[in-house]
N, C-alpha and C. Protein backbone atom coordinates (compact mmCIF):
# COMPACT_ATOMS: atom_id res chain seq x y z
N MET A 1 -6.94 4.28 -10.06
CA MET A 1 -7.06 2.73 -10.05
C MET A 1 -6.86 2.23 -11.39
N ALA A 2 -6.67 1.07 -11.07
CA ALA A 2 -6.13 -0.10 -12.51
C ALA A 2 -6.80 -1.07 -12.29
N CYS A 3 -7.05 -1.64 -13.48
CA CYS A 3 -7.80 -2.70 -13.95
C CYS A 3 -6.97 -3.65 -14.73
N ASP A 4 -6.44 -4.98 -14.52
CA ASP A 4 -5.73 -5.69 -15.43
C ASP A 4 -6.95 -6.66 -16.17
N THR A 5 -7.03 -6.51 -17.67
CA THR A 5 -7.98 -7.15 -18.45
C THR A 5 -6.94 -7.81 -19.34
N PRO A 6 -7.59 -9.08 -20.15
CA PRO A 6 -6.88 -9.58 -20.87
C PRO A 6 -6.16 -8.80 -22.18
N ARG A 7 -6.70 -7.68 -22.60
CA ARG A 7 -5.98 -6.73 -23.48
C ARG A 7 -5.00 -5.84 -22.93
N GLY A 8 -4.80 -5.87 -21.48
CA GLY A 8 -3.43 -4.88 -20.92
C GLY A 8 -4.19 -4.43 -19.57
N VAL A 9 -3.34 -3.30 -19.07
CA VAL A 9 -4.14 -2.76 -18.02
C VAL A 9 -4.89 -1.57 -18.26
N LEU A 10 -5.72 -1.23 -17.34
CA LEU A 10 -6.51 0.07 -18.23
C LEU A 10 -6.38 0.73 -16.49
N TYR A 11 -6.38 2.31 -16.92
CA TYR A 11 -6.17 2.96 -15.71
C TYR A 11 -7.39 4.35 -15.78
N CYS A 12 -7.18 4.61 -14.77
CA CYS A 12 -8.46 5.78 -14.17
C CYS A 12 -8.09 6.74 -13.15
N GLU A 13 -8.01 8.02 -13.27
CA GLU A 13 -7.91 8.60 -11.90
C GLU A 13 -9.73 9.07 -11.30
N LEU A 14 -9.93 9.04 -9.91
CA LEU A 14 -11.25 9.09 -9.71
C LEU A 14 -10.71 10.33 -8.47
N GLU A 15 -11.90 11.07 -7.89
CA GLU A 15 -11.82 12.02 -6.81
C GLU A 15 -13.27 11.31 -6.48
N VAL A 16 -12.60 10.57 -4.82
CA VAL A 16 -13.93 10.32 -4.34
C VAL A 16 -14.29 10.72 -2.73
N ALA A 17 -14.97 10.66 -2.22
CA ALA A 17 -15.29 11.10 -0.43
C ALA A 17 -14.15 10.68 0.40
N ASP A 18 -13.49 11.38 0.91
CA ASP A 18 -12.83 11.09 2.00
C ASP A 18 -13.24 9.96 2.95
N GLY A 19 -12.28 9.07 3.41
CA GLY A 19 -12.93 7.78 3.77
C GLY A 19 -13.71 6.53 2.97
N ALA A 20 -13.73 6.88 1.63
CA ALA A 20 -14.24 5.77 0.74
C ALA A 20 -13.34 4.14 0.74
N THR A 21 -14.26 3.35 0.46
CA THR A 21 -13.35 2.09 0.93
C THR A 21 -13.40 1.61 -0.38
N VAL A 22 -12.41 0.56 -0.69
CA VAL A 22 -12.07 0.04 -2.02
C VAL A 22 -12.89 0.01 -2.80
N ALA A 23 -14.28 -0.98 -2.10
CA ALA A 23 -15.59 -1.38 -3.03
C ALA A 23 -16.04 0.15 -3.44
N GLU A 24 -15.99 0.94 -2.67
CA GLU A 24 -16.78 2.41 -3.31
C GLU A 24 -15.63 3.26 -4.67
N VAL A 25 -14.50 2.84 -4.60
CA VAL A 25 -13.67 3.38 -5.58
C VAL A 25 -13.96 2.46 -6.84
N LEU A 26 -14.21 1.19 -6.51
CA LEU A 26 -14.60 0.31 -7.50
C LEU A 26 -15.65 0.38 -8.43
N ALA A 27 -16.52 0.75 -7.60
CA ALA A 27 -18.05 1.07 -7.89
C ALA A 27 -17.86 2.15 -8.95
N ALA A 28 -17.05 3.13 -8.51
CA ALA A 28 -17.22 4.52 -9.33
C ALA A 28 -16.04 4.42 -10.59
N ALA A 29 -14.89 3.43 -10.58
CA ALA A 29 -14.48 3.50 -11.69
C ALA A 29 -15.02 2.34 -12.79
N ARG A 30 -16.33 1.30 -12.41
CA ARG A 30 -16.58 0.54 -13.36
C ARG A 30 -17.45 1.13 -14.46
N PRO A 31 -18.07 1.98 -14.59
CA PRO A 31 -18.40 2.80 -15.88
C PRO A 31 -17.37 3.63 -16.23
N LEU A 32 -16.02 3.91 -15.81
CA LEU A 32 -15.12 4.29 -16.65
C LEU A 32 -14.64 3.36 -17.45
N LEU A 33 -14.48 2.23 -16.78
CA LEU A 33 -13.16 1.12 -17.58
C LEU A 33 -13.97 0.41 -18.11
N GLY A 34 -15.19 0.09 -17.71
CA GLY A 34 -16.11 -0.94 -18.81
C GLY A 34 -16.47 -1.90 -17.78
N GLN A 35 -17.92 -2.59 -18.00
CA GLN A 35 -18.32 -3.43 -17.45
C GLN A 35 -17.87 -4.89 -17.34
N ALA A 36 -17.40 -5.34 -18.19
CA ALA A 36 -17.09 -6.80 -18.89
C ALA A 36 -15.15 -6.57 -18.71
N THR A 37 -14.94 -5.81 -18.56
CA THR A 37 -13.40 -5.64 -18.12
C THR A 37 -12.70 -6.64 -17.37
N ALA A 38 -13.41 -6.83 -15.97
CA ALA A 38 -13.01 -7.70 -15.39
C ALA A 38 -13.80 -8.04 -14.33
N ASP A 39 -13.74 -9.04 -13.18
CA ASP A 39 -14.64 -9.34 -12.25
C ASP A 39 -14.85 -8.47 -11.26
N TRP A 40 -15.82 -7.58 -11.37
CA TRP A 40 -16.12 -6.49 -10.49
C TRP A 40 -16.38 -6.83 -9.17
N GLU A 41 -17.21 -7.95 -9.17
CA GLU A 41 -17.81 -8.48 -8.09
C GLU A 41 -16.97 -9.25 -6.81
N ARG A 42 -15.93 -10.26 -7.52
CA ARG A 42 -15.50 -11.16 -6.63
C ARG A 42 -14.04 -11.11 -7.01
N GLY A 43 -13.58 -10.38 -8.15
CA GLY A 43 -12.16 -10.25 -8.25
C GLY A 43 -11.32 -9.85 -7.15
N PRO A 44 -10.18 -10.46 -7.12
CA PRO A 44 -8.82 -9.87 -6.05
C PRO A 44 -8.41 -8.54 -6.14
N VAL A 45 -8.64 -7.61 -5.00
CA VAL A 45 -8.18 -6.53 -5.30
C VAL A 45 -6.85 -6.15 -4.47
N GLY A 46 -6.28 -5.34 -4.75
CA GLY A 46 -5.23 -4.58 -3.71
C GLY A 46 -4.63 -3.17 -3.74
N ILE A 47 -3.41 -2.70 -2.77
CA ILE A 47 -3.12 -1.41 -3.33
C ILE A 47 -1.91 -1.30 -3.01
N TYR A 48 -1.28 -0.84 -4.51
CA TYR A 48 0.25 -0.81 -4.63
C TYR A 48 0.32 -2.15 -4.88
N GLY A 49 -0.14 -3.35 -5.28
CA GLY A 49 0.63 -4.40 -5.41
C GLY A 49 0.44 -5.35 -3.92
N ARG A 50 -0.26 -4.77 -2.93
CA ARG A 50 -0.50 -5.42 -1.60
C ARG A 50 -2.01 -5.90 -2.10
N PRO A 51 -2.49 -7.42 -1.49
CA PRO A 51 -3.58 -7.50 -1.44
C PRO A 51 -4.64 -6.91 -0.23
N CYS A 52 -5.72 -6.68 -0.56
CA CYS A 52 -6.51 -5.78 0.79
C CYS A 52 -8.07 -6.39 0.49
N SER A 53 -8.76 -6.06 1.62
CA SER A 53 -10.23 -6.55 1.80
C SER A 53 -11.16 -5.12 0.79
N ARG A 54 -11.96 -5.42 0.39
CA ARG A 54 -12.92 -4.40 -0.35
C ARG A 54 -13.18 -3.47 0.67
N GLU A 55 -13.29 -3.56 2.14
CA GLU A 55 -13.89 -2.85 3.20
C GLU A 55 -12.82 -2.00 3.46
N GLN A 56 -11.41 -2.06 2.97
CA GLN A 56 -10.20 -1.16 3.48
C GLN A 56 -10.40 0.26 2.81
N ILE A 57 -10.05 1.19 3.77
CA ILE A 57 -10.25 2.77 3.41
C ILE A 57 -9.33 3.29 2.82
N ALA A 58 -9.47 3.99 1.74
CA ALA A 58 -8.31 4.23 0.76
C ALA A 58 -7.84 5.41 0.84
N ALA A 59 -6.88 5.74 0.89
CA ALA A 59 -6.06 7.02 1.47
C ALA A 59 -5.71 7.64 0.27
N ASP A 60 -5.80 9.28 0.19
CA ASP A 60 -5.36 9.88 -0.73
C ASP A 60 -4.30 9.36 -1.69
N GLY A 61 -4.49 9.15 -3.00
CA GLY A 61 -3.13 8.80 -3.60
C GLY A 61 -2.66 7.38 -4.02
N ASP A 62 -3.87 6.65 -3.28
CA ASP A 62 -3.60 5.13 -3.47
C ASP A 62 -4.39 4.94 -4.65
N ARG A 63 -3.45 3.66 -5.03
CA ARG A 63 -3.69 2.75 -6.66
C ARG A 63 -4.30 1.78 -6.16
N ILE A 64 -5.75 1.80 -6.15
CA ILE A 64 -6.50 0.87 -5.97
C ILE A 64 -6.25 -0.19 -7.45
N GLU A 65 -6.05 -1.55 -7.22
CA GLU A 65 -5.75 -2.38 -8.28
C GLU A 65 -7.04 -3.70 -8.37
N LEU A 66 -7.60 -3.96 -9.54
CA LEU A 66 -8.59 -5.09 -9.42
C LEU A 66 -7.95 -5.87 -10.64
N TYR A 67 -7.23 -7.16 -9.87
CA TYR A 67 -6.73 -8.11 -10.60
C TYR A 67 -7.55 -9.02 -11.22
N ARG A 68 -6.68 -9.90 -12.40
CA ARG A 68 -7.29 -11.05 -13.00
C ARG A 68 -6.97 -12.56 -12.29
N GLY A 69 -8.09 -13.32 -12.48
CA GLY A 69 -7.77 -14.19 -11.65
C GLY A 69 -6.81 -15.19 -12.22
N LEU A 70 -5.94 -16.13 -11.73
CA LEU A 70 -5.07 -16.86 -12.53
C LEU A 70 -5.63 -18.31 -13.33
N GLN A 71 -5.28 -18.12 -14.89
CA GLN A 71 -5.93 -18.79 -15.60
C GLN A 71 -5.34 -20.41 -15.44
N PHE A 72 -4.06 -20.60 -14.97
CA PHE A 72 -3.90 -21.84 -14.29
C PHE A 72 -2.97 -21.75 -13.10
N ASP A 73 -2.65 -23.11 -12.40
CA ASP A 73 -1.98 -22.98 -11.11
C ASP A 73 -0.74 -23.24 -11.65
N PRO A 74 0.02 -21.78 -11.57
CA PRO A 74 1.69 -22.22 -11.88
C PRO A 74 2.23 -22.87 -11.18
N ARG A 75 2.32 -23.59 -9.88
CA ARG A 75 3.16 -24.77 -9.30
C ARG A 75 2.42 -26.13 -10.13
N ALA A 76 1.16 -26.21 -10.71
CA ALA A 76 0.63 -27.62 -10.92
C ALA A 76 1.16 -27.51 -12.65
N ALA A 77 1.53 -26.31 -12.88
CA ALA A 77 2.16 -26.11 -14.55
C ALA A 77 3.40 -26.60 -14.45
N ARG A 78 4.29 -26.20 -13.13
CA ARG A 78 5.26 -26.56 -13.20
C ARG A 78 5.80 -27.95 -12.87
N ARG A 79 5.04 -28.64 -12.13
CA ARG A 79 4.94 -30.10 -11.98
C ARG A 79 4.80 -31.00 -13.39
N ALA A 80 3.78 -30.50 -14.18
CA ALA A 80 3.32 -31.11 -15.17
C ALA A 80 4.51 -30.99 -16.38
N ARG A 81 5.26 -29.60 -16.50
CA ARG A 81 6.28 -29.46 -17.26
C ARG A 81 7.48 -30.38 -16.83
N ALA A 82 7.83 -30.69 -15.58
CA ALA A 82 8.87 -31.67 -14.91
C ALA A 82 8.36 -33.03 -15.50
N VAL A 83 7.35 -33.29 -15.25
CA VAL A 83 6.90 -34.71 -15.71
C VAL A 83 7.17 -35.11 -17.27
N ARG A 84 6.41 -34.55 -17.75
CA ARG A 84 6.82 -34.25 -19.52
C ARG A 84 8.33 -34.33 -19.78
N ILE A 85 9.32 -33.38 -19.27
CA ILE A 85 10.66 -33.49 -19.60
C ILE A 85 11.23 -34.89 -18.94
N LYS A 86 10.76 -35.32 -18.09
CA LYS A 86 11.48 -36.43 -17.36
C LYS A 86 11.13 -37.87 -18.31
N LYS A 87 9.87 -37.53 -18.54
CA LYS A 87 9.25 -38.79 -19.76
C LYS A 87 9.85 -38.54 -21.21
N ALA A 88 10.49 -37.35 -21.82
CA ALA A 88 11.16 -37.07 -22.97
C ALA A 88 12.03 -38.56 -23.25
N PRO A 89 12.07 -38.89 -24.76
CA PRO A 89 12.69 -39.73 -24.90
C PRO A 89 14.46 -39.23 -24.80
N GLY A 90 15.18 -40.05 -24.37
CA GLY A 90 16.84 -39.82 -24.17
C GLY A 90 17.31 -38.78 -22.83
N THR A 91 16.21 -39.12 -22.40
CA THR A 91 16.58 -38.25 -20.80
C THR A 91 16.55 -39.22 -19.93
């Protein structure tokens, strides 16, 4: 289990029952990784970097990941930067 936090990625290894869902893995990891480290209820999740649903069945050895939401839209930031550069004096 990997959890992306503002202070860095936290990891823990868990043993869960066969057929456990991603949601069940998250519930087992939450006390170990801390309640306030991430949005445990609504944060996006994935397995090995590929987004998945919380109902997905986790296979033995899967790295379940809980992601942080983006602080800003990268496309909007890129557009704003382009406008600033275009308006800069001497260009």
